Every structure is written in structure tokens, then in C-alpha cells.
Amino acid sequence: MNIQIFGTGKCFDTKKAIRYFKERRIPYQLIDLRQKGLSKGEFNSVRQAVGGLDKLIDPDCRDQDALALIQYCSPGQRDEKVFENQQVLRTPIVRNGRRATVGYEPDVWSTWD
């Protein structure tokens, strides 16, 4: 397994995901979204794996102005606006190759081999 956890240090669900993989001694790589963020390829891969852009967006994010801007963009511009404003993403984003989850999903992670 090649686990990548994208999240922030203050996010409780990210902390729970880290604890989940630590307890099972599964190696992971933590990427802080505030410092580095997702690359364009990673963003597209995660979006496709989780079933679309709407599942990536956190309606309760702190940056409500960016969220409002994204919601009123045309569908063609939404992908680019979310990529530019990654603070509106739900965390943690956990990737294992081409598979990915958004949020705390231990039931899904337990099926990954």
C-alpha cells in the first residue's frame, strides 16, 4: 500500500485518519494542504475516484466567500476555482494508488490491500 493523507494539522478527522494507520502499522505519507496542496494530476485523480467535484467540497468550510464564488461559477470553471482554492476541500483526503476517499472512512480503508 502507498497511503497518502492530505489534510491539515488542526482537522480532527485528519488526526483520526493518522491514528487509524498508525495503530495498524500501515506506512503513510502526510501532506499538509496548507503548505503544499494537491497537484493538478492528484486533484483530477481524487476527483474521479470519489465520484465528482461535489463530494470533494466541504459545505461547512471556513472560507465561505470562496465557497460562494465556486457555487456560482459555471460548471466549466468550477474545477479550476476549487483547484485554486483548496481550503474548501473536505479533509482528510486519503489516497491509495487510484483509489481515494474524502473524510474519515475506516470501513473503506479496511478493504484496501
C-alpha atoms as a PDB file:
ATOM      1  CA  MET A   1       0.000   0.000   0.000  1.00  0.00           C
ATOM      2  CA  ASN A   2       1.067   3.530  -0.758  1.00  0.00           C
ATOM      3  CA  ILE A   3      -1.125   5.683   1.513  1.00  0.00           C
ATOM      4  CA  GLN A   4      -1.147   9.458   1.202  1.00  0.00           C
ATOM      5  CA  ILE A   5      -3.132  11.569   3.659  1.00  0.00           C
ATOM      6  CA  PHE A   6      -3.902  15.119   2.558  1.00  0.00           C
ATOM      7  CA  GLY A   7      -5.161  17.261   5.420  1.00  0.00           C
ATOM      8  CA  THR A   8      -4.366  19.945   7.954  1.00  0.00           C
ATOM      9  CA  GLY A   9      -2.904  19.700  11.434  1.00  0.00           C
ATOM     10  CA  LYS A  10      -5.996  21.236  13.049  1.00  0.00           C
ATOM     11  CA  CYS A  11      -8.523  18.892  11.411  1.00  0.00           C
ATOM     12  CA  PHE A  12      -9.814  16.265  13.859  1.00  0.00           C
ATOM     13  CA  ASP A  13     -10.758  13.821  11.088  1.00  0.00           C
ATOM     14  CA  THR A  14      -7.225  14.058   9.708  1.00  0.00           C
ATOM     15  CA  LYS A  15      -5.855  13.274  13.164  1.00  0.00           C
ATOM     16  CA  LYS A  16      -8.204  10.271  13.418  1.00  0.00           C
ATOM     17  CA  ALA A  17      -7.056   9.021   9.997  1.00  0.00           C
ATOM     18  CA  ILE A  18      -3.409   9.296  11.052  1.00  0.00           C
ATOM     19  CA  ARG A  19      -4.184   7.398  14.240  1.00  0.00           C
ATOM     20  CA  TYR A  20      -6.030   4.693  12.245  1.00  0.00           C
ATOM     21  CA  PHE A  21      -2.990   3.976  10.057  1.00  0.00           C
ATOM     22  CA  LYS A  22      -0.505   4.277  12.946  1.00  0.00           C
ATOM     23  CA  GLU A  23      -2.407   1.761  15.068  1.00  0.00           C
ATOM     24  CA  ARG A  24      -2.337  -0.749  12.215  1.00  0.00           C
ATOM     25  CA  ARG A  25       1.336  -0.028  11.468  1.00  0.00           C
ATOM     26  CA  ILE A  26       0.490   0.923   7.894  1.00  0.00           C
ATOM     27  CA  PRO A  27       3.050   3.368   6.475  1.00  0.00           C
ATOM     28  CA  TYR A  28       1.610   6.630   5.177  1.00  0.00           C
ATOM     29  CA  GLN A  29       2.734   9.977   3.862  1.00  0.00           C
ATOM     30  CA  LEU A  30       1.149  13.098   5.352  1.00  0.00           C
ATOM     31  CA  ILE A  31       0.794  16.124   3.074  1.00  0.00           C
ATOM     32  CA  ASP A  32      -0.320  19.391   4.678  1.00  0.00           C
ATOM     33  CA  LEU A  33      -2.816  21.067   2.347  1.00  0.00           C
ATOM     34  CA  ARG A  34      -1.961  24.495   3.744  1.00  0.00           C
ATOM     35  CA  GLN A  35       1.704  24.163   2.828  1.00  0.00           C
ATOM     36  CA  LYS A  36       1.761  22.056  -0.314  1.00  0.00           C
ATOM     37  CA  GLY A  37      -1.706  21.198  -1.610  1.00  0.00           C
ATOM     38  CA  LEU A  38      -2.714  18.785  -4.329  1.00  0.00           C
ATOM     39  CA  SER A  39      -1.028  18.853  -7.720  1.00  0.00           C
ATOM     40  CA  LYS A  40      -3.280  19.118 -10.783  1.00  0.00           C
ATOM     41  CA  GLY A  41      -2.864  15.405 -11.539  1.00  0.00           C
ATOM     42  CA  GLU A  42      -3.592  14.385  -7.936  1.00  0.00           C
ATOM     43  CA  PHE A  43      -6.626  16.652  -7.855  1.00  0.00           C
ATOM     44  CA  ASN A  44      -8.059  15.145 -11.050  1.00  0.00           C
ATOM     45  CA  SER A  45      -7.319  11.599  -9.873  1.00  0.00           C
ATOM     46  CA  VAL A  46      -9.011  12.141  -6.494  1.00  0.00           C
ATOM     47  CA  ARG A  47     -11.998  13.889  -8.081  1.00  0.00           C
ATOM     48  CA  GLN A  48     -12.518  10.968 -10.423  1.00  0.00           C
ATOM     49  CA  ALA A  49     -12.015   8.347  -7.668  1.00  0.00           C
ATOM     50  CA  VAL A  50     -14.550   9.853  -5.250  1.00  0.00           C
ATOM     51  CA  GLY A  51     -17.225  10.429  -7.857  1.00  0.00           C
ATOM     52  CA  GLY A  52     -17.093  14.093  -8.721  1.00  0.00           C
ATOM     53  CA  LEU A  53     -16.299  17.548  -7.512  1.00  0.00           C
ATOM     54  CA  ASP A  54     -19.346  17.915  -5.249  1.00  0.00           C
ATOM     55  CA  LYS A  55     -18.115  15.135  -2.948  1.00  0.00           C
ATOM     56  CA  LEU A  56     -14.786  16.953  -2.504  1.00  0.00           C
ATOM     57  CA  ILE A  57     -16.265  20.277  -1.388  1.00  0.00           C
ATOM     58  CA  ASP A  58     -16.909  20.911   2.315  1.00  0.00           C
ATOM     59  CA  PRO A  59     -20.102  22.974   2.713  1.00  0.00           C
ATOM     60  CA  ASP A  60     -19.007  23.901   6.270  1.00  0.00           C
ATOM     61  CA  CYS A  61     -15.527  25.166   5.351  1.00  0.00           C
ATOM     62  CA  ARG A  62     -14.168  28.308   6.977  1.00  0.00           C
ATOM     63  CA  ASP A  63     -13.751  30.230   3.718  1.00  0.00           C
ATOM     64  CA  GLN A  64     -17.413  30.779   2.893  1.00  0.00           C
ATOM     65  CA  ASP A  65     -16.558  33.560   0.415  1.00  0.00           C
ATOM     66  CA  ALA A  66     -14.523  31.175  -1.764  1.00  0.00           C
ATOM     67  CA  LEU A  67     -17.268  28.566  -1.448  1.00  0.00           C
ATOM     68  CA  ALA A  68     -19.912  31.053  -2.612  1.00  0.00           C
ATOM     69  CA  LEU A  69     -17.721  32.017  -5.560  1.00  0.00           C
ATOM     70  CA  ILE A  70     -17.314  28.358  -6.535  1.00  0.00           C
ATOM     71  CA  GLN A  71     -21.035  27.619  -6.253  1.00  0.00           C
ATOM     72  CA  TYR A  72     -21.938  30.421  -8.641  1.00  0.00           C
ATOM     73  CA  CYS A  73     -19.281  29.642 -11.262  1.00  0.00           C
ATOM     74  CA  SER A  74     -20.169  27.935 -14.490  1.00  0.00           C
ATOM     75  CA  PRO A  75     -19.565  24.158 -14.464  1.00  0.00           C
ATOM     76  CA  GLY A  76     -16.506  24.566 -16.688  1.00  0.00           C
ATOM     77  CA  GLN A  77     -14.872  26.980 -14.252  1.00  0.00           C
ATOM     78  CA  ARG A  78     -15.702  25.132 -11.018  1.00  0.00           C
ATOM     79  CA  ASP A  79     -12.842  22.623 -11.305  1.00  0.00           C
ATOM     80  CA  GLU A  80     -10.282  25.377 -11.753  1.00  0.00           C
ATOM     81  CA  LYS A  81     -11.701  27.507  -8.919  1.00  0.00           C
ATOM     82  CA  VAL A  82     -11.680  24.576  -6.477  1.00  0.00           C
ATOM     83  CA  PHE A  83      -8.109  23.724  -7.512  1.00  0.00           C
ATOM     84  CA  GLU A  84      -7.080  27.347  -6.865  1.00  0.00           C
ATOM     85  CA  ASN A  85      -8.952  27.459  -3.506  1.00  0.00           C
ATOM     86  CA  GLN A  86      -8.108  24.119  -1.908  1.00  0.00           C
ATOM     87  CA  GLN A  87      -9.167  25.377   1.520  1.00  0.00           C
ATOM     88  CA  VAL A  88     -12.760  24.425   0.543  1.00  0.00           C
ATOM     89  CA  LEU A  89     -11.906  20.698   0.278  1.00  0.00           C
ATOM     90  CA  ARG A  90     -13.172  18.181   2.829  1.00  0.00           C
ATOM     91  CA  THR A  91     -10.352  16.572   4.773  1.00  0.00           C
ATOM     92  CA  PRO A  92      -8.755  14.155   5.075  1.00  0.00           C
ATOM     93  CA  ILE A  93      -8.291  13.054   1.500  1.00  0.00           C
ATOM     94  CA  VAL A  94      -6.758   9.581   1.682  1.00  0.00           C
ATOM     95  CA  ARG A  95      -5.251   8.062  -1.476  1.00  0.00           C
ATOM     96  CA  ASN A  96      -4.035   4.573  -2.188  1.00  0.00           C
ATOM     97  CA  GLY A  97      -2.958   4.464  -5.818  1.00  0.00           C
ATOM     98  CA  ARG A  98      -6.031   5.194  -7.924  1.00  0.00           C
ATOM     99  CA  ARG A  99      -8.439   4.736  -5.005  1.00  0.00           C
ATOM    100  CA  ALA A 100      -9.332   7.636  -2.753  1.00  0.00           C
ATOM    101  CA  THR A 101     -11.713   8.681  -0.005  1.00  0.00           C
ATOM    102  CA  VAL A 102     -12.780  12.030   1.376  1.00  0.00           C
ATOM    103  CA  GLY A 103     -13.440  12.312   5.097  1.00  0.00           C
ATOM    104  CA  TYR A 104     -12.939   9.708   7.803  1.00  0.00           C
ATOM    105  CA  GLU A 105     -13.769   6.351   6.123  1.00  0.00           C
ATOM    106  CA  PRO A 106     -12.207   3.456   8.107  1.00  0.00           C
ATOM    107  CA  ASP A 107     -14.686   0.953   6.628  1.00  0.00           C
ATOM    108  CA  VAL A 108     -13.364   1.649   3.141  1.00  0.00           C
ATOM    109  CA  TRP A 109      -9.715   1.729   4.222  1.00  0.00           C
ATOM    110  CA  SER A 110     -10.011  -1.716   5.829  1.00  0.00           C
ATOM    111  CA  THR A 111     -10.843  -3.199   2.408  1.00  0.00           C
ATOM    112  CA  TRP A 112      -7.671  -1.818   0.809  1.00  0.00           C
ATOM    113  CA  ASP A 113      -4.947  -4.440   0.401  1.00  0.00           C
END
